[in-house]
Structure formats: structure tokens, C-alpha cells
Amino acid sequence: METKNAFPFIIASLLAPALSAQYEIGTGKVSELFNANCASCHGENLMGGQGSSLVDDVWAYGSSDADIARVIANGIPDTAMIPWKTSLSEKQIRSLVIYIREQGQIAAQKELPGDHFKPENGVFKSQEHNFTLTKVGEGEGILWALEFLPDNTMLVTQRDGVLWSFKDGKRSKIEGIPEVWQHGQGGLLEVQKHPNFENNGWIYLGYSENVGGKENGMDAGMTAVVRGRIRNGKWVDEQKIYNAPAELHISAAYHYGTRFVFQDGYLYFAIGDRGRQNQAQDLSRPNGKIHRIFDDGRVPTDNPFASIRDALPTIWSYGHRNPQGLDAHPETGDIWEVEHGPRGGDETNLIQRGLNYGWPVITYGMNYNGTPITDLTEKEGMEQPKHYWNPSIAICGADFYEGDKFPAWKNNFFVTGMASQEMHRLVIEEGKVVSDEVVFKNQGRVRDIYSAPDGHLYVLLIQQSPLVGSIYRLDPLN
């Protein structure tokens, strides 16, 4: 398809992302300006008019983001598509590409049959397996993370500071856990048992804490990690494993990250950029990083930045926005991460020692209000995602499937989507994502997923009205 018409665009100042607009895909400055200046040729829905459609995924001059940006910048000789590189900045052109991608995905979804993702008599059909969803538990608010103990007890965190135990269909509250700073997206977040739990009994919690820190006169917090044991329904033997000094705490209400991976005696954990995006590139700050410590809290002397002046010695990788999923591949041991992007640009990354994952210097997204963050999607010395979503699915938890109930899913990487209400199945081969399937949709915001010892997959689903978090099990039918 030939792109025949120009994209008039006015200069917009960069604004901070508006949290309330986080899931308003297709709104904001880009759409307003497109409707005012381009809709007469390309149509209000981008499906064409005097000019060609921009959402049918047919491209005469290349289909990549770079190809589309080049057409906008340089135009097409002997057509009405004149060069706009003298009128539009590279950032502005990048934001237009993101908008076109968003609208293309929205149009593609509308073309699907209305019952495409609906279960038939309670049966969900996917490419490899059919299954049902069985409800096995419920909380009283936003359930955030799920863990199984060897006796099939489920531990579930509730963001407002409750640790639940589910056993034999009964729910009980674990008493005495640390006080959390429940501020916006913060609160009680991650829970995982130690790999040698059957011998040592350690359970680890990740949560947001306030230890008296202030930022610009406002209460401030940061991710902390503790471990303890559970005896007779009570949290005991608590040990602080990690926390940041109060002067590094931040007052923003979002982007806490906070996921764990245990491997070879080490604990890897994530901290989001906490709304201070440029600090993700600052090695003297904990936010926007993946960290590595020993599982007792000691700092390894061979960490990549341990000997660099002013760098925090716990940092393993940096340039992350909001890492909300983290797991190790069952066969290779590679650590994979999923990262909640801005408007566009949710990412899947292969995490490696000392590497820079680029945020906010490079990104496949833009600000929630439709203004550009950067024109760069790649830069020397910065890692590319192995997979990304545009528009965003609002990524959260992720887990590799290790069971035997769904044999065709073995070692696949399952990723949750909150705003999209989707569960995705990524197939990874030789360090690359080779396919992405939506396994189910529209059952609620999918917060976390867990490959359990019984061979099933379990998901945490959040219903919005009223706000209820529930645990569901996937039961195979073939």
C-alpha cells in the first residue's frame, strides 16, 4: 500500500506521563492532531479516504517502524506524500509511528469474530490445548503474587498488606508480617519460598516501605526485601535482606517493580524506575534496575559495578522502566524479564550481567498523553527487547511452564496483561521469541501466573467492580 498523504503535526511540549491516562490507548495529543490535520485524507479511523489506509497492514515501502518513519520524514517522490523532516522532529515522527501501530492493532482486534475469545460451555480453546478455569480462592482486594509450598499451601499477597494462606479450600491470614507502605501501586507485592525451603523454611517478601524518608517534603518509599518463616499462622524469625537508605527513597506512587528469581545461591530482584525515568540510567540510584545479592543479603564482590565509584554494588543490569515479571528458563537458566512500558513499548528482555536496557533513552513507546519521549528505538551499547507490544498490554507477572498437564506448553513463557485482560504464551527458541499467542482474554485483569508443583497453571484475576482478586486454576481437556 502506498502512503500518499502528509501528516501535519504541531510541536508539543513534553509532559510528564499522566497516571490516570495509563490505559487510554488511542487518545491524547497524537489522535487530536491526526483528526484535525490528517483525517480528511486518511479517515478519522485511519482506514483511508482520499489517501490510503494506514491500518490494513499493507505497506508498499516497507512495514517496519523504521520504514514508516522514513516515509513520513522523506516522503515519496511524485506523490502527494511530501517530506516532513524539515517540519517534524524525529521524536514527533516516532510518536506518529506508535499511533499508527496502536490503531492498526485496534482495527485488527475489531476484525475478529465477537466470540473469538469466548469460552464455549466453559471451555477455552487455544492453539495447543483446550482448558477450563476453576476458581480456587478469593481475596478482598488486589491480589498481587502467588506462591506454592510443598504441602500445596498457596501463599498470596494482597497489595494493601495482607499475606493469605490457602489450604484445603480454607483461607487464613498470616499474622505479624512487616508493615508496608501502601501508596499507589506500592504495598505488599512479591512472595517466594527459598529453593531449599523444605530444609530451611525461608519465605521472602518484597514490599514498599517508608523509613522516614522525604522527597520534596513528601513521604517517600522504596522496595525492601525480608525473609522469615511461618509457624502456626504467624510470621517469625524475620531478617531484613535488602533496603535502600532513606535519602534514596522516592515519593511517587508508581513503578515499584519488585519480582524475585533465585539461582545458584543468589537472589535477583527488580525495582522499577519509581516515576523518575532518568534515574534508570544512574548507577548511584537503586530504581530502574535488576539487583543481585546472596540469598542472605550479602553483596557479591563480583557484581558488575561493585568496584565502580558511586555505583550501587547490588546492581546487575539497568535502564529498566517497571519490571513486573522475572523468571529463569527451566533448561538454560537464562533470566527473562517482562517490563511494563509507557504508551506502547511493553517489553520482554533477556537479562544479562552489566547490560543497559535503554530506558528512557530508547523505547518503543511514548508518553500516555500522546507526546514523544524519544525518537530512538535503538542505540549502540543498549540492549534491544526480545519482544515488545504496541499498544501496551499492561504487563505484570510472568512464569515459565514446567509441569506435565499441558505437555505442548512445556518451557513456554506465560505473560499476563492487565489492561488488555489477556494471558500470552511466548515460545522461546535459542534466546529468541518466535511466537506469541493470546491464550485467553476478557476474564479480568491478569495480575500473576504460576506454574505449580501439581502441573497446573494458576492465575490471579482482578475484577474491577467490585474490586476482588481471585485465584483460578487452568484444567486441561486435551
Protein backbone atom coordinates (compact mmCIF):
# COMPACT_ATOMS: atom_id res chain seq x y z
CA MET A 1 0.00 0.00 0.00
CA GLU A 2 1.29 3.41 -0.92
CA THR A 3 1.28 6.16 1.70
CA LYS A 4 0.09 9.17 -0.26
CA ASN A 5 -0.57 11.97 2.17
CA ALA A 6 1.31 14.10 4.65
CA PHE A 7 1.00 14.09 8.42
CA PRO A 8 0.79 17.75 9.54
CA PHE A 9 1.77 17.98 13.17
CA ILE A 10 2.41 20.85 15.59
CA ILE A 11 5.18 20.99 18.14
CA ALA A 12 4.02 19.66 21.52
CA SER A 13 5.96 20.14 24.72
CA LEU A 14 6.97 17.01 26.63
CA LEU A 15 4.70 16.45 29.59
CA ALA A 16 5.05 14.00 32.48
CA PRO A 17 3.01 10.82 31.98
CA ALA A 18 -0.47 11.09 33.43
CA LEU A 19 -1.15 8.05 35.55
CA SER A 20 -4.89 8.35 35.04
CA ALA A 21 -4.39 8.07 31.26
CA GLN A 22 -2.29 4.94 31.51
CA TYR A 23 -4.75 2.68 29.71
CA GLU A 24 -6.42 5.19 27.38
CA ILE A 25 -4.87 3.78 24.23
CA GLY A 26 -5.60 5.86 21.13
CA THR A 27 -6.22 9.11 22.98
CA GLY A 28 -4.18 12.24 23.63
CA LYS A 29 -2.19 14.70 21.52
CA VAL A 30 -1.42 12.42 18.59
CA SER A 31 -5.03 11.45 17.95
CA GLU A 32 -6.28 15.01 18.35
CA LEU A 33 -3.74 16.34 15.88
CA PHE A 34 -4.30 13.49 13.46
CA ASN A 35 -8.05 14.12 13.46
CA ALA A 36 -7.54 17.85 12.96
CA ASN A 37 -4.99 17.61 10.17
CA CYS A 38 -4.91 14.17 8.55
CA ALA A 39 -8.36 12.61 8.86
CA SER A 40 -9.68 14.33 5.73
CA CYS A 41 -7.32 12.17 3.65
CA HIS A 42 -6.66 9.05 5.71
CA GLY A 43 -10.01 8.94 7.51
CA GLU A 44 -10.78 9.52 11.17
CA ASN A 45 -10.18 5.82 11.85
CA LEU A 46 -7.04 5.73 9.63
CA MET A 47 -8.81 3.36 7.22
CA GLY A 48 -8.35 5.60 4.21
CA GLY A 49 -10.25 8.13 2.12
CA GLN A 50 -8.53 10.24 -0.48
CA GLY A 51 -5.36 8.72 0.89
CA SER A 52 -4.59 5.10 1.64
CA SER A 53 -5.43 3.09 4.74
CA LEU A 54 -2.83 3.05 7.49
CA VAL A 55 -4.30 0.14 9.45
CA ASP A 56 -4.64 -2.70 6.90
CA ASP A 57 -1.00 -3.80 7.39
CA VAL A 58 -0.26 -3.48 3.67
CA TRP A 59 2.85 -1.40 3.04
CA ALA A 60 4.35 -0.60 -0.36
CA TYR A 61 7.55 0.89 1.04
CA GLY A 62 8.40 -1.39 3.95
CA SER A 63 6.45 -2.47 7.04
CA SER A 64 8.95 -1.86 9.84
CA ASP A 65 8.77 1.10 12.20
CA ALA A 66 11.92 2.48 10.57
CA ASP A 67 10.35 2.15 7.09
CA ILE A 68 7.21 4.02 8.11
CA ALA A 69 9.23 6.73 9.83
CA ARG A 70 11.39 7.10 6.72
CA VAL A 71 8.33 7.61 4.51
CA ILE A 72 6.99 10.29 6.84
CA ALA A 73 10.40 12.01 7.02
CA ASN A 74 11.46 11.75 3.36
CA GLY A 75 8.13 11.48 1.57
CA ILE A 76 7.52 9.55 -1.66
CA PRO A 77 8.67 11.13 -4.94
CA ASP A 78 5.95 12.02 -7.44
CA THR A 79 3.15 11.60 -4.90
CA ALA A 80 1.31 13.87 -2.51
CA MET A 81 3.41 12.41 0.33
CA ILE A 82 5.97 15.18 0.63
CA PRO A 83 8.99 15.13 3.02
CA TRP A 84 8.19 16.29 6.54
CA LYS A 85 11.61 16.04 8.14
CA THR A 86 12.01 19.83 7.98
CA SER A 87 8.71 20.37 9.80
CA LEU A 88 8.60 17.49 12.26
CA SER A 89 11.22 16.47 14.76
CA GLU A 90 12.40 12.87 14.85
CA LYS A 91 10.60 12.47 18.19
CA GLN A 92 7.34 13.66 16.65
CA ILE A 93 7.68 11.29 13.72
CA ARG A 94 8.32 8.44 16.16
CA SER A 95 5.12 9.25 18.08
CA LEU A 96 3.15 9.12 14.82
CA VAL A 97 4.53 5.67 14.07
CA ILE A 98 3.44 4.47 17.51
CA TYR A 99 -0.04 5.90 16.94
CA ILE A 100 -0.34 4.13 13.59
CA ARG A 101 0.71 0.85 15.24
CA GLU A 102 -1.84 1.35 18.03
CA GLN A 103 -4.67 1.95 15.60
CA GLY A 104 -3.61 -1.00 13.47
CA GLN A 105 -3.85 -3.34 16.45
CA ILE A 106 -7.21 -1.91 17.46
CA ALA A 107 -8.53 -2.43 13.92
CA ALA A 108 -7.20 -5.99 13.83
CA GLN A 109 -8.99 -6.83 17.09
CA LYS A 110 -12.27 -5.45 15.70
CA GLU A 111 -12.00 -7.79 12.72
CA LEU A 112 -12.02 -10.86 14.97
CA PRO A 113 -15.39 -12.61 15.42
CA GLY A 114 -17.22 -11.39 18.51
CA ASP A 115 -16.95 -14.83 20.10
CA HIS A 116 -13.28 -15.37 19.21
CA PHE A 117 -12.07 -15.44 22.82
CA LYS A 118 -15.32 -16.54 24.48
CA PRO A 119 -15.33 -19.99 26.08
CA GLU A 120 -17.83 -22.45 24.67
CA ASN A 121 -19.72 -24.13 27.51
CA GLY A 122 -16.91 -23.06 29.80
CA VAL A 123 -14.16 -24.44 27.53
CA PHE A 124 -11.37 -22.16 26.33
CA LYS A 125 -9.69 -23.14 23.06
CA SER A 126 -6.08 -22.28 22.29
CA GLN A 127 -3.62 -23.42 19.64
CA GLU A 128 -2.19 -26.35 21.61
CA HIS A 129 -4.60 -27.13 24.46
CA ASN A 130 -8.22 -26.67 25.47
CA PHE A 131 -8.92 -25.96 29.12
CA THR A 132 -11.35 -24.70 31.72
CA LEU A 133 -10.86 -22.16 34.50
CA THR A 134 -11.71 -23.29 38.03
CA LYS A 135 -11.90 -20.78 40.86
CA VAL A 136 -9.93 -21.95 43.91
CA GLY A 137 -9.67 -18.84 46.12
CA GLU A 138 -10.51 -15.20 46.61
CA GLY A 139 -9.06 -12.18 48.43
CA GLU A 140 -10.57 -8.89 49.50
CA GLY A 141 -8.74 -6.51 47.19
CA ILE A 142 -5.86 -6.58 44.70
CA LEU A 143 -4.06 -9.92 44.89
CA TRP A 144 -0.52 -9.39 43.60
CA ALA A 145 1.62 -12.55 43.72
CA LEU A 146 1.21 -16.29 44.23
CA GLU A 147 3.50 -18.97 45.67
CA PHE A 148 3.06 -22.69 46.42
CA LEU A 149 4.61 -24.51 49.35
CA PRO A 150 5.49 -28.24 49.20
CA ASP A 151 2.30 -29.21 51.11
CA ASN A 152 0.19 -27.43 48.44
CA THR A 153 -0.47 -24.42 50.65
CA MET A 154 -0.86 -21.31 48.50
CA LEU A 155 0.61 -18.07 49.78
CA VAL A 156 -0.90 -14.98 48.16
CA THR A 157 -0.01 -11.34 48.73
CA GLN A 158 -2.71 -8.70 48.86
CA ARG A 159 -1.36 -5.28 47.97
CA ASP A 160 -2.82 -3.47 50.97
CA GLY A 161 -0.63 -5.51 53.33
CA VAL A 162 -2.21 -8.94 53.87
CA LEU A 163 -0.45 -12.27 53.35
CA TRP A 164 -3.04 -15.02 52.81
CA SER A 165 -2.63 -18.76 53.22
CA PHE A 166 -4.99 -21.03 51.25
CA LYS A 167 -5.11 -24.70 52.22
CA ASP A 168 -7.81 -27.31 51.58
CA GLY A 169 -10.24 -24.65 50.44
CA LYS A 170 -9.79 -22.54 53.59
CA ARG A 171 -8.27 -19.06 53.75
CA SER A 172 -6.36 -17.67 56.73
CA LYS A 173 -4.35 -14.53 57.37
CA ILE A 174 -0.69 -14.76 58.31
CA GLU A 175 -0.14 -12.50 61.32
CA GLY A 176 2.92 -10.38 62.05
CA ILE A 177 4.26 -9.61 58.57
CA PRO A 178 6.16 -6.32 58.07
CA GLU A 179 4.22 -3.08 57.91
CA VAL A 180 4.01 -1.98 54.29
CA TRP A 181 3.78 1.50 52.78
CA GLN A 182 0.60 1.09 50.74
CA HIS A 183 0.99 4.09 48.48
CA GLY A 184 -0.48 3.99 44.96
CA GLN A 185 0.92 0.92 43.22
CA GLY A 186 3.08 0.09 46.24
CA GLY A 187 2.33 -2.21 49.14
CA LEU A 188 2.85 -5.92 49.76
CA LEU A 189 4.00 -7.27 46.41
CA GLU A 190 6.22 -10.32 45.83
CA VAL A 191 6.33 -13.62 47.77
CA GLN A 192 8.63 -16.59 47.08
CA LYS A 193 9.97 -19.52 49.04
CA HIS A 194 13.69 -20.28 49.18
CA PRO A 195 14.76 -23.07 46.76
CA ASN A 196 15.79 -25.11 49.83
CA PHE A 197 12.58 -24.29 51.70
CA GLU A 198 11.96 -27.87 52.83
CA ASN A 199 15.17 -27.71 54.87
CA ASN A 200 15.37 -24.05 55.94
CA GLY A 201 11.74 -22.81 55.87
CA TRP A 202 12.63 -19.35 54.50
CA ILE A 203 9.97 -17.29 52.75
CA TYR A 204 10.87 -13.97 51.10
CA LEU A 205 8.63 -10.92 50.78
CA GLY A 206 9.08 -7.86 48.58
CA TYR A 207 7.19 -4.73 49.59
CA SER A 208 7.33 -0.95 49.63
CA GLU A 209 8.48 0.65 52.86
CA ASN A 210 8.77 4.15 54.29
CA VAL A 211 11.52 4.58 56.88
CA GLY A 212 11.06 8.30 57.41
CA GLY A 213 12.43 9.38 54.05
CA LYS A 214 11.17 12.54 52.37
CA GLU A 215 11.36 13.84 48.82
CA ASN A 216 10.46 17.49 48.27
CA GLY A 217 8.76 17.47 51.67
CA MET A 218 6.58 14.46 50.85
CA ASP A 219 6.71 10.99 52.38
CA ALA A 220 8.88 8.72 50.27
CA GLY A 221 9.42 4.98 49.93
CA MET A 222 11.31 2.24 48.12
CA THR A 223 11.29 -1.52 47.67
CA ALA A 224 12.52 -3.66 50.58
CA VAL A 225 13.12 -7.40 50.85
CA VAL A 226 12.79 -9.51 54.01
CA ARG A 227 12.74 -13.19 54.79
CA GLY A 228 11.04 -15.04 57.60
CA ARG A 229 9.29 -18.28 58.50
CA ILE A 230 5.66 -19.14 59.15
CA ARG A 231 4.81 -21.07 62.31
CA ASN A 232 1.26 -21.65 63.50
CA GLY A 233 -0.06 -18.95 61.21
CA LYS A 234 2.45 -16.32 62.35
CA TRP A 235 5.40 -14.65 60.62
CA VAL A 236 8.55 -15.24 62.72
CA ASP A 237 12.37 -15.15 62.52
CA GLU A 238 12.31 -12.07 60.28
CA GLN A 239 15.58 -10.89 58.70
CA LYS A 240 15.99 -7.79 56.53
CA ILE A 241 17.68 -8.83 53.28
CA TYR A 242 17.67 -5.53 51.37
CA ASN A 243 16.53 -1.98 51.68
CA ALA A 244 17.71 1.37 50.35
CA PRO A 245 18.76 4.27 52.59
CA ALA A 246 16.06 6.86 53.24
CA GLU A 247 17.83 9.51 51.15
CA LEU A 248 17.27 7.36 48.05
CA HIS A 249 13.53 6.93 48.63
CA ILE A 250 11.01 8.49 46.23
CA SER A 251 7.56 10.00 46.83
CA ALA A 252 5.95 8.87 43.55
CA ALA A 253 3.10 6.38 43.81
CA TYR A 254 4.05 4.05 40.99
CA HIS A 255 6.60 1.82 39.20
CA TYR A 256 7.79 -0.36 42.08
CA GLY A 257 8.64 -3.43 40.00
CA THR A 258 9.53 -5.98 42.74
CA ARG A 259 9.90 -9.56 41.44
CA PHE A 260 12.33 -12.31 42.52
CA VAL A 261 14.44 -15.06 40.95
CA PHE A 262 16.61 -17.45 43.00
CA GLN A 263 19.56 -19.04 41.24
CA ASP A 264 22.81 -20.66 42.43
CA GLY A 265 22.62 -19.12 45.89
CA TYR A 266 21.79 -15.65 44.58
CA LEU A 267 18.60 -13.60 44.75
CA TYR A 268 17.83 -11.40 41.74
CA PHE A 269 15.17 -8.77 42.29
CA ALA A 270 13.70 -5.88 40.33
CA ILE A 271 12.95 -2.28 41.28
CA GLY A 272 11.02 -0.05 38.87
CA ASP A 273 12.10 3.47 37.98
CA ARG A 274 9.63 4.86 40.55
CA GLY A 275 8.48 7.57 38.16
CA ARG A 276 11.95 9.09 37.90
CA GLN A 277 12.77 7.77 34.46
CA ASN A 278 16.20 9.35 34.00
CA GLN A 279 17.41 7.72 37.22
CA ALA A 280 17.15 4.33 35.48
CA GLN A 281 20.46 5.29 33.83
CA ASP A 282 22.04 6.46 37.12
CA LEU A 283 24.12 3.74 38.76
CA SER A 284 24.06 5.59 42.09
CA ARG A 285 20.28 5.03 42.37
CA PRO A 286 18.51 1.71 43.04
CA ASN A 287 15.44 2.38 40.89
CA GLY A 288 15.16 1.18 37.30
CA LYS A 289 17.49 -1.76 38.00
CA ILE A 290 17.74 -5.52 38.41
CA HIS A 291 19.81 -6.29 41.54
CA ARG A 292 21.78 -9.39 42.60
CA ILE A 293 22.61 -10.31 46.18
CA PHE A 294 23.27 -13.53 48.05
CA ASP A 295 20.10 -15.07 49.44
CA ASP A 296 21.15 -13.96 52.96
CA GLY A 297 21.53 -10.32 51.86
CA ARG A 298 25.30 -10.17 51.39
CA VAL A 299 26.53 -8.36 48.28
CA PRO A 300 28.66 -10.39 45.83
CA THR A 301 32.01 -8.77 45.18
CA ASP A 302 31.89 -9.92 41.54
CA ASN A 303 28.76 -7.94 40.69
CA PRO A 304 29.44 -5.86 37.54
CA PHE A 305 29.51 -2.44 39.23
CA ALA A 306 30.78 -3.42 42.67
CA SER A 307 34.17 -1.76 42.14
CA ILE A 308 32.92 1.38 40.40
CA ARG A 309 32.95 4.55 42.47
CA ASP A 310 29.49 5.83 43.48
CA ALA A 311 27.73 2.90 41.78
CA LEU A 312 25.48 0.74 43.96
CA PRO A 313 27.21 -2.65 44.28
CA THR A 314 23.97 -4.65 44.13
CA ILE A 315 23.13 -3.63 40.53
CA TRP A 316 23.14 -6.41 37.95
CA SER A 317 21.51 -4.60 34.99
CA TYR A 318 19.99 -1.15 34.46
CA GLY A 319 17.87 1.01 32.16
CA HIS A 320 14.58 -0.65 33.16
CA ARG A 321 11.20 1.08 33.46
CA ASN A 322 8.89 -1.13 35.52
CA PRO A 323 9.94 -4.81 35.63
CA GLN A 324 6.89 -6.74 36.82
CA GLY A 325 7.78 -10.27 35.74
CA LEU A 326 11.02 -12.21 36.27
CA ASP A 327 11.81 -15.92 35.86
CA ALA A 328 14.61 -18.28 34.85
CA HIS A 329 14.28 -20.60 31.86
CA PRO A 330 13.92 -24.18 33.20
CA GLU A 331 16.54 -25.61 30.83
CA THR A 332 19.03 -22.84 30.03
CA GLY A 333 18.86 -20.93 33.32
CA ASP A 334 18.62 -17.66 31.37
CA ILE A 335 16.78 -14.95 33.31
CA TRP A 336 13.90 -13.41 31.39
CA GLU A 337 12.06 -10.24 32.37
CA VAL A 338 8.86 -8.53 31.27
CA GLU A 339 8.70 -4.78 31.67
CA HIS A 340 5.67 -2.52 31.78
CA GLY A 341 6.32 0.21 29.19
CA PRO A 342 4.73 3.61 28.67
CA ARG A 343 2.08 4.03 25.95
CA GLY A 344 3.41 1.28 23.74
CA GLY A 345 6.68 -0.50 24.42
CA ASP A 346 5.88 -3.26 26.92
CA GLU A 347 8.98 -5.46 26.66
CA THR A 348 10.35 -8.96 27.10
CA ASN A 349 14.08 -8.94 27.85
CA LEU A 350 16.84 -11.49 28.35
CA ILE A 351 18.67 -10.18 31.41
CA GLN A 352 22.45 -10.39 31.35
CA ARG A 353 25.29 -9.17 33.52
CA GLY A 354 26.01 -5.44 33.47
CA LEU A 355 23.91 -4.59 30.40
CA ASN A 356 21.95 -1.40 29.79
CA TYR A 357 18.37 -1.97 28.61
CA GLY A 358 17.97 1.60 27.46
CA TRP A 359 15.07 3.22 29.30
CA PRO A 360 14.34 6.11 28.75
CA VAL A 361 16.99 6.79 26.08
CA ILE A 362 15.45 4.19 23.78
CA THR A 363 11.87 2.90 23.85
CA TYR A 364 9.14 1.66 21.54
CA GLY A 365 6.59 3.76 23.42
CA MET A 366 5.58 7.37 24.00
CA ASN A 367 4.04 9.39 26.85
CA TYR A 368 0.49 8.49 27.86
CA ASN A 369 -0.72 11.91 26.70
CA GLY A 370 0.49 11.25 23.15
CA THR A 371 3.67 13.31 23.25
CA PRO A 372 7.01 11.73 22.30
CA ILE A 373 9.64 10.54 24.76
CA THR A 374 12.44 9.97 22.26
CA ASP A 375 12.89 9.26 18.58
CA LEU A 376 15.33 6.45 19.35
CA THR A 377 14.38 2.78 19.40
CA GLU A 378 17.99 1.59 19.36
CA LYS A 379 21.40 2.89 20.32
CA GLU A 380 24.88 1.42 20.50
CA GLY A 381 25.59 -0.01 23.94
CA MET A 382 21.90 -0.53 24.75
CA GLU A 383 20.01 -3.81 24.51
CA GLN A 384 17.03 -4.47 22.27
CA PRO A 385 13.98 -6.24 23.71
CA LYS A 386 13.45 -9.79 22.52
CA HIS A 387 9.77 -8.95 22.01
CA TYR A 388 7.57 -5.91 22.55
CA TRP A 389 3.90 -4.96 22.43
CA ASN A 390 2.42 -1.86 20.83
CA PRO A 391 -0.16 -0.98 22.01
CA SER A 392 0.73 -1.97 25.53
CA ILE A 393 -1.00 -4.93 27.15
CA ALA A 394 -0.04 -3.56 30.62
CA ILE A 395 2.31 -6.40 31.57
CA CYS A 396 2.56 -7.79 35.08
CA GLY A 397 3.59 -11.29 36.22
CA ALA A 398 5.28 -13.94 34.09
CA ASP A 399 6.33 -17.57 34.56
CA PHE A 400 7.80 -20.44 32.58
CA TYR A 401 5.57 -23.51 32.47
CA GLU A 402 7.36 -26.53 33.96
CA GLY A 403 4.52 -29.01 34.51
CA ASP A 404 3.17 -32.03 32.65
CA LYS A 405 -0.57 -31.28 32.49
CA PHE A 406 -0.06 -29.22 29.30
CA PRO A 407 2.79 -31.02 27.50
CA ALA A 408 2.74 -28.82 24.38
CA TRP A 409 3.33 -25.78 26.62
CA LYS A 410 6.48 -27.16 28.27
CA ASN A 411 9.08 -24.38 28.83
CA ASN A 412 6.82 -21.73 27.23
CA PHE A 413 6.87 -18.29 28.84
CA PHE A 414 3.46 -17.10 30.05
CA VAL A 415 2.92 -13.36 30.39
CA THR A 416 -0.02 -11.52 31.93
CA GLY A 417 -1.80 -8.43 30.64
CA MET A 418 -3.84 -6.21 32.94
CA ALA A 419 -5.41 -3.50 30.74
CA SER A 420 -5.73 -5.93 27.84
CA GLN A 421 -7.13 -8.64 30.18
CA GLU A 422 -5.01 -11.19 28.32
CA MET A 423 -2.72 -14.10 29.04
CA HIS A 424 0.03 -14.53 26.44
CA ARG A 425 2.11 -17.61 25.63
CA LEU A 426 5.57 -16.88 24.24
CA VAL A 427 7.60 -19.61 22.58
CA ILE A 428 11.33 -19.06 23.08
CA GLU A 429 13.95 -20.80 20.97
CA GLU A 430 17.70 -20.15 21.14
CA GLY A 431 17.22 -16.92 23.06
CA LYS A 432 14.59 -15.53 20.69
CA VAL A 433 10.81 -15.13 20.97
CA VAL A 434 9.45 -16.93 17.92
CA SER A 435 5.70 -16.73 18.57
CA ASP A 436 3.12 -15.01 20.79
CA GLU A 437 -0.36 -16.45 21.35
CA VAL A 438 -3.22 -14.92 23.34
CA VAL A 439 -4.40 -17.94 25.36
CA PHE A 440 -7.44 -16.26 26.90
CA LYS A 441 -8.94 -12.79 27.16
CA ASN A 442 -11.63 -10.75 28.92
CA GLN A 443 -11.77 -12.74 32.17
CA GLY A 444 -10.47 -9.85 34.29
CA ARG A 445 -7.16 -8.09 34.73
CA VAL A 446 -4.50 -10.82 34.79
CA ARG A 447 -2.09 -9.92 37.61
CA ASP A 448 0.09 -13.00 38.07
CA ILE A 449 0.62 -16.53 36.75
CA TYR A 450 2.28 -19.51 38.42
CA SER A 451 3.44 -22.93 37.23
CA ALA A 452 2.55 -25.04 40.27
CA PRO A 453 4.03 -28.32 41.54
CA ASP A 454 0.79 -30.14 40.68
CA GLY A 455 1.41 -29.47 36.97
CA HIS A 456 -1.33 -26.85 36.58
CA LEU A 457 -1.09 -23.18 35.80
CA TYR A 458 -2.72 -20.80 38.28
CA VAL A 459 -3.63 -17.17 37.59
CA LEU A 460 -4.62 -14.19 39.72
CA LEU A 461 -7.51 -12.31 38.13
CA ILE A 462 -8.72 -8.90 39.31
CA GLN A 463 -12.34 -7.90 38.80
CA GLN A 464 -12.83 -4.14 38.91
CA SER A 465 -16.38 -3.64 40.18
CA PRO A 466 -16.43 -4.56 42.95
CA LEU A 467 -12.65 -4.82 43.37
CA VAL A 468 -11.99 -8.52 44.01
CA GLY A 469 -8.90 -10.63 43.45
CA SER A 470 -9.44 -14.31 42.67
CA ILE A 471 -7.27 -17.38 42.07
CA TYR A 472 -8.09 -19.65 39.14
CA ARG A 473 -6.61 -22.96 38.03
CA LEU A 474 -6.28 -23.98 34.37
CA ASP A 475 -7.56 -27.55 33.94
CA PRO A 476 -6.62 -29.31 30.66
CA LEU A 477 -9.18 -31.03 28.44
CA ASN A 478 -6.79 -32.43 25.83
